[in-house]
Amino acid sequence: MATQTLLITDDPFRNADIPTRRKLAHLVKSVKDSGGTARIFSSMHVSGGQLALYSGIAAVLRFPLPDLEHIECSHHTWRGKIKNRGDNLR
């Protein structure tokens, strides 16, 4: 897995939707199993509040990404790819 450190707020783990919680738990386990770390931030703390402004989840990758300015892709296309990757977490 490309994720070195996973940053996530605790809000999604309190989600009433059980499949969503399972996906997140699987994601955290996958990161840890591949030698990464997962940091869960309280939404009551300033750091968790700041992370929540960026969707509540972020990652530090093991390797750099190419310069995003050179990638020609619309916002909606990226959102679709991210959603599809999340569907594969089952």
PDB file of N, CA and C in Angstrom:
ATOM      1  N   MET A   1       0.846  -1.179   0.000  1.00  0.00           N
ATOM      2  CA  MET A   1       0.000   0.000   0.000  1.00  0.00           C
ATOM      3  C   MET A   1       0.887   1.236   0.000  1.00  0.00           C
ATOM      4  N   ALA A   2       0.456   2.254  -0.677  1.00  0.00           N
ATOM      5  CA  ALA A   2       1.247   3.472  -0.831  1.00  0.00           C
ATOM      6  C   ALA A   2       1.173   4.402   0.378  1.00  0.00           C
ATOM      7  N   THR A   3       0.268   4.147   1.291  1.00  0.00           N
ATOM      8  CA  THR A   3       0.075   5.041   2.431  1.00  0.00           C
ATOM      9  C   THR A   3       1.079   4.755   3.537  1.00  0.00           C
ATOM     10  N   GLN A   4       1.832   5.780   3.896  1.00  0.00           N
ATOM     11  CA  GLN A   4       2.768   5.671   5.017  1.00  0.00           C
ATOM     12  C   GLN A   4       2.057   6.017   6.324  1.00  0.00           C
ATOM     13  N   THR A   5       1.292   7.117   6.305  1.00  0.00           N
ATOM     14  CA  THR A   5       0.552   7.542   7.491  1.00  0.00           C
ATOM     15  C   THR A   5      -0.859   7.941   7.084  1.00  0.00           C
ATOM     16  N   LEU A   6      -1.833   7.353   7.730  1.00  0.00           N
ATOM     17  CA  LEU A   6      -3.232   7.683   7.497  1.00  0.00           C
ATOM     18  C   LEU A   6      -3.690   8.597   8.618  1.00  0.00           C
ATOM     19  N   LEU A   7      -4.290   9.718   8.259  1.00  0.00           N
ATOM     20  CA  LEU A   7      -4.827  10.682   9.222  1.00  0.00           C
ATOM     21  C   LEU A   7      -6.341  10.683   9.057  1.00  0.00           C
ATOM     22  N   ILE A   8      -7.055  10.450  10.143  1.00  0.00           N
ATOM     23  CA  ILE A   8      -8.510  10.369  10.041  1.00  0.00           C
ATOM     24  C   ILE A   8      -9.145  10.879  11.337  1.00  0.00           C
ATOM     25  N   THR A   9     -10.279  11.551  11.198  1.00  0.00           N
ATOM     26  CA  THR A   9     -10.993  12.003  12.393  1.00  0.00           C
ATOM     27  C   THR A   9     -11.826  10.849  12.948  1.00  0.00           C
ATOM     28  N   ASP A  10     -12.258  10.987  14.180  1.00  0.00           N
ATOM     29  CA  ASP A  10     -13.056   9.923  14.793  1.00  0.00           C
ATOM     30  C   ASP A  10     -14.528   9.971  14.378  1.00  0.00           C
ATOM     31  N   ASP A  11     -14.962  11.035  13.721  1.00  0.00           N
ATOM     32  CA  ASP A  11     -16.364  11.148  13.302  1.00  0.00           C
ATOM     33  C   ASP A  11     -16.842   9.983  12.430  1.00  0.00           C
ATOM     34  N   PRO A  12     -16.095   9.590  11.394  1.00  0.00           N
ATOM     35  CA  PRO A  12     -16.592   8.492  10.552  1.00  0.00           C
ATOM     36  C   PRO A  12     -16.773   7.175  11.307  1.00  0.00           C
ATOM     37  N   PHE A  13     -16.028   6.973  12.380  1.00  0.00           N
ATOM     38  CA  PHE A  13     -16.163   5.741  13.148  1.00  0.00           C
ATOM     39  C   PHE A  13     -17.436   5.731  13.991  1.00  0.00           C
ATOM     40  N   ARG A  14     -18.067   6.884  14.114  1.00  0.00           N
ATOM     41  CA  ARG A  14     -19.341   6.976  14.829  1.00  0.00           C
ATOM     42  C   ARG A  14     -20.514   7.028  13.864  1.00  0.00           C
ATOM     43  N   ASN A  15     -20.251   6.796  12.595  1.00  0.00           N
ATOM     44  CA  ASN A  15     -21.279   6.811  11.566  1.00  0.00           C
ATOM     45  C   ASN A  15     -22.276   5.676  11.823  1.00  0.00           C
ATOM     46  N   ALA A  16     -23.545   5.950  11.642  1.00  0.00           N
ATOM     47  CA  ALA A  16     -24.579   4.934  11.859  1.00  0.00           C
ATOM     48  C   ALA A  16     -24.555   3.855  10.779  1.00  0.00           C
ATOM     49  N   ASP A  17     -23.940   4.148   9.637  1.00  0.00           N
ATOM     50  CA  ASP A  17     -23.878   3.204   8.523  1.00  0.00           C
ATOM     51  C   ASP A  17     -22.770   2.174   8.781  1.00  0.00           C
ATOM     52  N   ILE A  18     -23.156   0.964   9.114  1.00  0.00           N
ATOM     53  CA  ILE A  18     -22.190  -0.078   9.477  1.00  0.00           C
ATOM     54  C   ILE A  18     -21.228  -0.405   8.334  1.00  0.00           C
ATOM     55  N   PRO A  19     -21.680  -0.525   7.075  1.00  0.00           N
ATOM     56  CA  PRO A  19     -20.719  -0.799   5.992  1.00  0.00           C
ATOM     57  C   PRO A  19     -19.632   0.278   5.866  1.00  0.00           C
ATOM     58  N   THR A  20     -19.990   1.532   6.113  1.00  0.00           N
ATOM     59  CA  THR A  20     -18.992   2.604   6.067  1.00  0.00           C
ATOM     60  C   THR A  20     -17.958   2.418   7.168  1.00  0.00           C
ATOM     61  N   ARG A  21     -18.407   2.084   8.354  1.00  0.00           N
ATOM     62  CA  ARG A  21     -17.467   1.849   9.464  1.00  0.00           C
ATOM     63  C   ARG A  21     -16.572   0.654   9.178  1.00  0.00           C
ATOM     64  N   ARG A  22     -17.121  -0.380   8.562  1.00  0.00           N
ATOM     65  CA  ARG A  22     -16.307  -1.555   8.218  1.00  0.00           C
ATOM     66  C   ARG A  22     -15.232  -1.198   7.199  1.00  0.00           C
ATOM     67  N   LYS A  23     -15.596  -0.395   6.206  1.00  0.00           N
ATOM     68  CA  LYS A  23     -14.622   0.023   5.190  1.00  0.00           C
ATOM     69  C   LYS A  23     -13.478   0.804   5.828  1.00  0.00           C
ATOM     70  N   LEU A  24     -13.825   1.710   6.731  1.00  0.00           N
ATOM     71  CA  LEU A  24     -12.791   2.497   7.400  1.00  0.00           C
ATOM     72  C   LEU A  24     -11.903   1.623   8.276  1.00  0.00           C
ATOM     73  N   ALA A  25     -12.510   0.690   8.993  1.00  0.00           N
ATOM     74  CA  ALA A  25     -11.721  -0.222   9.830  1.00  0.00           C
ATOM     75  C   ALA A  25     -10.793  -1.064   8.962  1.00  0.00           C
ATOM     76  N   HIS A  26     -11.289  -1.500   7.804  1.00  0.00           N
ATOM     77  CA  HIS A  26     -10.458  -2.278   6.882  1.00  0.00           C
ATOM     78  C   HIS A  26      -9.318  -1.420   6.329  1.00  0.00           C
ATOM     79  N   LEU A  27      -9.608  -0.167   6.029  1.00  0.00           N
ATOM     80  CA  LEU A  27      -8.572   0.740   5.533  1.00  0.00           C
ATOM     81  C   LEU A  27      -7.476   0.929   6.574  1.00  0.00           C
ATOM     82  N   VAL A  28      -7.858   1.171   7.815  1.00  0.00           N
ATOM     83  CA  VAL A  28      -6.880   1.341   8.896  1.00  0.00           C
ATOM     84  C   VAL A  28      -6.051   0.069   9.054  1.00  0.00           C
ATOM     85  N   LYS A  29      -6.701  -1.086   9.029  1.00  0.00           N
ATOM     86  CA  LYS A  29      -5.989  -2.361   9.165  1.00  0.00           C
ATOM     87  C   LYS A  29      -5.022  -2.571   8.003  1.00  0.00           C
ATOM     88  N   SER A  30      -5.442  -2.242   6.784  1.00  0.00           N
ATOM     89  CA  SER A  30      -4.580  -2.401   5.607  1.00  0.00           C
ATOM     90  C   SER A  30      -3.330  -1.538   5.712  1.00  0.00           C
ATOM     91  N   VAL A  31      -3.504  -0.312   6.168  1.00  0.00           N
ATOM     92  CA  VAL A  31      -2.356   0.587   6.334  1.00  0.00           C
ATOM     93  C   VAL A  31      -1.393   0.014   7.367  1.00  0.00           C
ATOM     94  N   LYS A  32      -1.920  -0.438   8.493  1.00  0.00           N
ATOM     95  CA  LYS A  32      -1.068  -1.004   9.548  1.00  0.00           C
ATOM     96  C   LYS A  32      -0.390  -2.292   9.090  1.00  0.00           C
ATOM     97  N   ASP A  33      -1.120  -3.149   8.375  1.00  0.00           N
ATOM     98  CA  ASP A  33      -0.550  -4.411   7.890  1.00  0.00           C
ATOM     99  C   ASP A  33       0.578  -4.195   6.890  1.00  0.00           C
ATOM    100  N   SER A  34       0.545  -3.077   6.181  1.00  0.00           N
ATOM    101  CA  SER A  34       1.591  -2.794   5.197  1.00  0.00           C
ATOM    102  C   SER A  34       2.746  -1.996   5.802  1.00  0.00           C
ATOM    103  N   GLY A  35       2.762  -1.864   7.127  1.00  0.00           N
ATOM    104  CA  GLY A  35       3.864  -1.183   7.798  1.00  0.00           C
ATOM    105  C   GLY A  35       3.651   0.298   8.026  1.00  0.00           C
ATOM    106  N   GLY A  36       2.464   0.795   7.704  1.00  0.00           N
ATOM    107  CA  GLY A  36       2.162   2.207   7.910  1.00  0.00           C
ATOM    108  C   GLY A  36       1.572   2.449   9.288  1.00  0.00           C
ATOM    109  N   THR A  37       1.265   3.702   9.553  1.00  0.00           N
ATOM    110  CA  THR A  37       0.631   4.066  10.814  1.00  0.00           C
ATOM    111  C   THR A  37      -0.688   4.772  10.534  1.00  0.00           C
ATOM    112  N   ALA A  38      -1.608   4.627  11.447  1.00  0.00           N
ATOM    113  CA  ALA A  38      -2.897   5.310  11.347  1.00  0.00           C
ATOM    114  C   ALA A  38      -3.056   6.176  12.587  1.00  0.00           C
ATOM    115  N   ARG A  39      -3.348   7.440  12.376  1.00  0.00           N
ATOM    116  CA  ARG A  39      -3.548   8.387  13.473  1.00  0.00           C
ATOM    117  C   ARG A  39      -5.004   8.834  13.445  1.00  0.00           C
ATOM    118  N   ILE A  40      -5.704   8.582  14.530  1.00  0.00           N
ATOM    119  CA  ILE A  40      -7.103   8.980  14.628  1.00  0.00           C
ATOM    120  C   ILE A  40      -7.182  10.199  15.533  1.00  0.00           C
ATOM    121  N   PHE A  41      -7.763  11.277  14.996  1.00  0.00           N
ATOM    122  CA  PHE A  41      -7.840  12.555  15.695  1.00  0.00           C
ATOM    123  C   PHE A  41      -9.247  12.777  16.242  1.00  0.00           C
ATOM    124  N   SER A  42      -9.328  13.257  17.457  1.00  0.00           N
ATOM    125  CA  SER A  42     -10.610  13.599  18.047  1.00  0.00           C
ATOM    126  C   SER A  42     -11.185  14.823  17.336  1.00  0.00           C
ATOM    127  N   SER A  43     -12.455  14.738  17.002  1.00  0.00           N
ATOM    128  CA  SER A  43     -13.109  15.884  16.366  1.00  0.00           C
ATOM    129  C   SER A  43     -13.300  17.026  17.359  1.00  0.00           C
ATOM    130  N   MET A  44     -13.110  16.747  18.642  1.00  0.00           N
ATOM    131  CA  MET A  44     -13.235  17.771  19.674  1.00  0.00           C
ATOM    132  C   MET A  44     -11.946  18.577  19.839  1.00  0.00           C
ATOM    133  N   HIS A  45     -10.859  18.109  19.233  1.00  0.00           N
ATOM    134  CA  HIS A  45      -9.570  18.800  19.320  1.00  0.00           C
ATOM    135  C   HIS A  45      -9.388  19.669  18.081  1.00  0.00           C
ATOM    136  N   VAL A  46      -8.581  20.705  18.207  1.00  0.00           N
ATOM    137  CA  VAL A  46      -8.338  21.624  17.092  1.00  0.00           C
ATOM    138  C   VAL A  46      -7.797  20.876  15.875  1.00  0.00           C
ATOM    139  N   SER A  47      -6.885  19.936  16.092  1.00  0.00           N
ATOM    140  CA  SER A  47      -6.295  19.211  14.964  1.00  0.00           C
ATOM    141  C   SER A  47      -7.349  18.390  14.222  1.00  0.00           C
ATOM    142  N   GLY A  48      -8.264  17.769  14.964  1.00  0.00           N
ATOM    143  CA  GLY A  48      -9.343  17.022  14.327  1.00  0.00           C
ATOM    144  C   GLY A  48     -10.299  17.932  13.582  1.00  0.00           C
ATOM    145  N   GLY A  49     -10.545  19.106  14.134  1.00  0.00           N
ATOM    146  CA  GLY A  49     -11.399  20.081  13.455  1.00  0.00           C
ATOM    147  C   GLY A  49     -10.794  20.560  12.152  1.00  0.00           C
ATOM    148  N   GLN A  50      -9.479  20.784  12.158  1.00  0.00           N
ATOM    149  CA  GLN A  50      -8.802  21.203  10.932  1.00  0.00           C
ATOM    150  C   GLN A  50      -8.838  20.091   9.886  1.00  0.00           C
ATOM    151  N   LEU A  51      -8.611  18.854  10.316  1.00  0.00           N
ATOM    152  CA  LEU A  51      -8.658  17.724   9.389  1.00  0.00           C
ATOM    153  C   LEU A  51     -10.066  17.546   8.825  1.00  0.00           C
ATOM    154  N   ALA A  52     -11.076  17.806   9.640  1.00  0.00           N
ATOM    155  CA  ALA A  52     -12.463  17.698   9.182  1.00  0.00           C
ATOM    156  C   ALA A  52     -12.754  18.674   8.045  1.00  0.00           C
ATOM    157  N   LEU A  53     -12.052  19.800   8.018  1.00  0.00           N
ATOM    158  CA  LEU A  53     -12.228  20.756   6.925  1.00  0.00           C
ATOM    159  C   LEU A  53     -11.752  20.185   5.591  1.00  0.00           C
ATOM    160  N   TYR A  54     -10.896  19.170   5.638  1.00  0.00           N
ATOM    161  CA  TYR A  54     -10.380  18.506   4.435  1.00  0.00           C
ATOM    162  C   TYR A  54     -10.973  17.115   4.306  1.00  0.00           C
ATOM    163  N   SER A  55     -12.226  16.964   4.532  1.00  0.00           N
ATOM    164  CA  SER A  55     -13.012  15.739   4.398  1.00  0.00           C
ATOM    165  C   SER A  55     -12.837  14.770   5.554  1.00  0.00           C
ATOM    166  N   GLY A  56     -11.968  15.045   6.500  1.00  0.00           N
ATOM    167  CA  GLY A  56     -11.808  14.179   7.654  1.00  0.00           C
ATOM    168  C   GLY A  56     -10.831  13.039   7.464  1.00  0.00           C
ATOM    169  N   ILE A  57     -10.252  12.936   6.279  1.00  0.00           N
ATOM    170  CA  ILE A  57      -9.286  11.868   6.024  1.00  0.00           C
ATOM    171  C   ILE A  57      -8.203  12.377   5.076  1.00  0.00           C
ATOM    172  N   ALA A  58      -6.971  12.014   5.394  1.00  0.00           N
ATOM    173  CA  ALA A  58      -5.830  12.412   4.562  1.00  0.00           C
ATOM    174  C   ALA A  58      -4.757  11.339   4.712  1.00  0.00           C
ATOM    175  N   ALA A  59      -3.770  11.378   3.835  1.00  0.00           N
ATOM    176  CA  ALA A  59      -2.702  10.382   3.898  1.00  0.00           C
ATOM    177  C   ALA A  59      -1.376  11.006   3.511  1.00  0.00           C
ATOM    178  N   VAL A  60      -0.328  10.514   4.150  1.00  0.00           N
ATOM    179  CA  VAL A  60       1.039  10.833   3.758  1.00  0.00           C
ATOM    180  C   VAL A  60       1.522   9.602   3.002  1.00  0.00           C
ATOM    181  N   LEU A  61       1.932   9.798   1.756  1.00  0.00           N
ATOM    182  CA  LEU A  61       2.320   8.671   0.914  1.00  0.00           C
ATOM    183  C   LEU A  61       3.788   8.312   1.079  1.00  0.00           C
ATOM    184  N   ARG A  62       4.130   7.093   0.733  1.00  0.00           N
ATOM    185  CA  ARG A  62       5.512   6.617   0.818  1.00  0.00           C
ATOM    186  C   ARG A  62       6.391   7.200  -0.284  1.00  0.00           C
ATOM    187  N   PHE A  63       5.782   7.657  -1.352  1.00  0.00           N
ATOM    188  CA  PHE A  63       6.530   8.183  -2.484  1.00  0.00           C
ATOM    189  C   PHE A  63       5.807   9.413  -3.024  1.00  0.00           C
ATOM    190  N   PRO A  64       6.523  10.307  -3.698  1.00  0.00           N
ATOM    191  CA  PRO A  64       5.887  11.534  -4.195  1.00  0.00           C
ATOM    192  C   PRO A  64       4.974  11.261  -5.391  1.00  0.00           C
ATOM    193  N   LEU A  65       3.971  12.098  -5.528  1.00  0.00           N
ATOM    194  CA  LEU A  65       3.096  12.063  -6.695  1.00  0.00           C
ATOM    195  C   LEU A  65       3.665  12.979  -7.769  1.00  0.00           C
ATOM    196  N   PRO A  66       3.367  12.706  -9.032  1.00  0.00           N
ATOM    197  CA  PRO A  66       3.793  13.654 -10.063  1.00  0.00           C
ATOM    198  C   PRO A  66       3.109  15.000  -9.838  1.00  0.00           C
ATOM    199  N   ASP A  67       3.681  16.026 -10.385  1.00  0.00           N
ATOM    200  CA  ASP A  67       3.133  17.366 -10.221  1.00  0.00           C
ATOM    201  C   ASP A  67       1.693  17.397 -10.719  1.00  0.00           C
ATOM    202  N   LEU A  68       0.767  17.692  -9.846  1.00  0.00           N
ATOM    203  CA  LEU A  68      -0.649  17.654 -10.191  1.00  0.00           C
ATOM    204  C   LEU A  68      -1.043  18.699 -11.224  1.00  0.00           C
ATOM    205  N   GLU A  69      -0.238  19.729 -11.398  1.00  0.00           N
ATOM    206  CA  GLU A  69      -0.560  20.747 -12.396  1.00  0.00           C
ATOM    207  C   GLU A  69      -0.496  20.177 -13.806  1.00  0.00           C
ATOM    208  N   HIS A  70       0.253  19.102 -13.993  1.00  0.00           N
ATOM    209  CA  HIS A  70       0.407  18.523 -15.323  1.00  0.00           C
ATOM    210  C   HIS A  70      -0.644  17.467 -15.641  1.00  0.00           C
ATOM    211  N   ILE A  71      -1.444  17.120 -14.670  1.00  0.00           N
ATOM    212  CA  ILE A  71      -2.480  16.123 -14.891  1.00  0.00           C
ATOM    213  C   ILE A  71      -3.749  16.838 -15.323  1.00  0.00           C
ATOM    214  N   GLU A  72      -4.241  16.494 -16.506  1.00  0.00           N
ATOM    215  CA  GLU A  72      -5.457  17.100 -17.037  1.00  0.00           C
ATOM    216  C   GLU A  72      -6.631  16.213 -16.645  1.00  0.00           C
ATOM    217  N   CYS A  73      -7.352  16.627 -15.621  1.00  0.00           N
ATOM    218  CA  CYS A  73      -8.465  15.824 -15.141  1.00  0.00           C
ATOM    219  C   CYS A  73      -9.443  16.751 -14.427  1.00  0.00           C
ATOM    220  N   SER A  74     -10.712  16.578 -14.702  1.00  0.00           N
ATOM    221  CA  SER A  74     -11.699  17.438 -14.059  1.00  0.00           C
ATOM    222  C   SER A  74     -11.940  17.006 -12.621  1.00  0.00           C
ATOM    223  N   HIS A  75     -12.474  17.907 -11.846  1.00  0.00           N
ATOM    224  CA  HIS A  75     -12.788  17.647 -10.437  1.00  0.00           C
ATOM    225  C   HIS A  75     -13.729  16.449 -10.312  1.00  0.00           C
ATOM    226  N   HIS A  76     -14.730  16.364 -11.175  1.00  0.00           N
ATOM    227  CA  HIS A  76     -15.711  15.284 -11.089  1.00  0.00           C
ATOM    228  C   HIS A  76     -15.078  13.934 -11.403  1.00  0.00           C
ATOM    229  N   THR A  77     -14.126  13.901 -12.313  1.00  0.00           N
ATOM    230  CA  THR A  77     -13.449  12.646 -12.632  1.00  0.00           C
ATOM    231  C   THR A  77     -12.663  12.154 -11.434  1.00  0.00           C
ATOM    232  N   TRP A  78     -11.958  13.067 -10.764  1.00  0.00           N
ATOM    233  CA  TRP A  78     -11.199  12.673  -9.578  1.00  0.00           C
ATOM    234  C   TRP A  78     -12.124  12.141  -8.498  1.00  0.00           C
ATOM    235  N   ARG A  79     -13.246  12.805  -8.283  1.00  0.00           N
ATOM    236  CA  ARG A  79     -14.170  12.358  -7.240  1.00  0.00           C
ATOM    237  C   ARG A  79     -14.688  10.960  -7.561  1.00  0.00           C
ATOM    238  N   GLY A  80     -14.940  10.673  -8.828  1.00  0.00           N
ATOM    239  CA  GLY A  80     -15.391   9.340  -9.224  1.00  0.00           C
ATOM    240  C   GLY A  80     -14.343   8.282  -8.968  1.00  0.00           C
ATOM    241  N   LYS A  81     -13.080   8.598  -9.257  1.00  0.00           N
ATOM    242  CA  LYS A  81     -12.003   7.637  -9.022  1.00  0.00           C
ATOM    243  C   LYS A  81     -11.839   7.369  -7.540  1.00  0.00           C
ATOM    244  N   ILE A  82     -11.926   8.416  -6.722  1.00  0.00           N
ATOM    245  CA  ILE A  82     -11.794   8.240  -5.282  1.00  0.00           C
ATOM    246  C   ILE A  82     -12.948   7.395  -4.758  1.00  0.00           C
ATOM    247  N   LYS A  83     -14.166   7.669  -5.220  1.00  0.00           N
ATOM    248  CA  LYS A  83     -15.325   6.898  -4.773  1.00  0.00           C
ATOM    249  C   LYS A  83     -15.168   5.438  -5.170  1.00  0.00           C
ATOM    250  N   ASN A  84     -14.733   5.177  -6.406  1.00  0.00           N
ATOM    251  CA  ASN A  84     -14.569   3.800  -6.856  1.00  0.00           C
ATOM    252  C   ASN A  84     -13.503   3.069  -6.058  1.00  0.00           C
ATOM    253  N   ARG A  85     -12.424   3.734  -5.706  1.00  0.00           N
ATOM    254  CA  ARG A  85     -11.394   3.093  -4.890  1.00  0.00           C
ATOM    255  C   ARG A  85     -11.940   2.739  -3.523  1.00  0.00           C
ATOM    256  N   GLY A  86     -12.780   3.608  -2.968  1.00  0.00           N
ATOM    257  CA  GLY A  86     -13.383   3.329  -1.672  1.00  0.00           C
ATOM    258  C   GLY A  86     -14.310   2.126  -1.720  1.00  0.00           C
ATOM    259  N   ASP A  87     -14.957   1.905  -2.878  1.00  0.00           N
ATOM    260  CA  ASP A  87     -15.841   0.754  -3.018  1.00  0.00           C
ATOM    261  C   ASP A  87     -15.061  -0.555  -2.990  1.00  0.00           C
ATOM    262  N   ASN A  88     -13.784  -0.512  -3.329  1.00  0.00           N
ATOM    263  CA  ASN A  88     -12.969  -1.724  -3.356  1.00  0.00           C
ATOM    264  C   ASN A  88     -12.429  -2.100  -1.987  1.00  0.00           C
ATOM    265  N   LEU A  89     -12.750  -1.343  -0.959  1.00  0.00           N
ATOM    266  CA  LEU A  89     -12.194  -1.590   0.366  1.00  0.00           C
ATOM    267  C   LEU A  89     -12.905  -2.701   1.124  1.00  0.00           C
ATOM    268  N   ARG A  90     -13.913  -3.276   0.554  1.00  0.00           N
ATOM    269  CA  ARG A  90     -14.685  -4.310   1.258  1.00  0.00           C
ATOM    270  C   ARG A  90     -13.850  -5.517   1.560  1.00  0.00           C
TER     271      ARG A  90
END
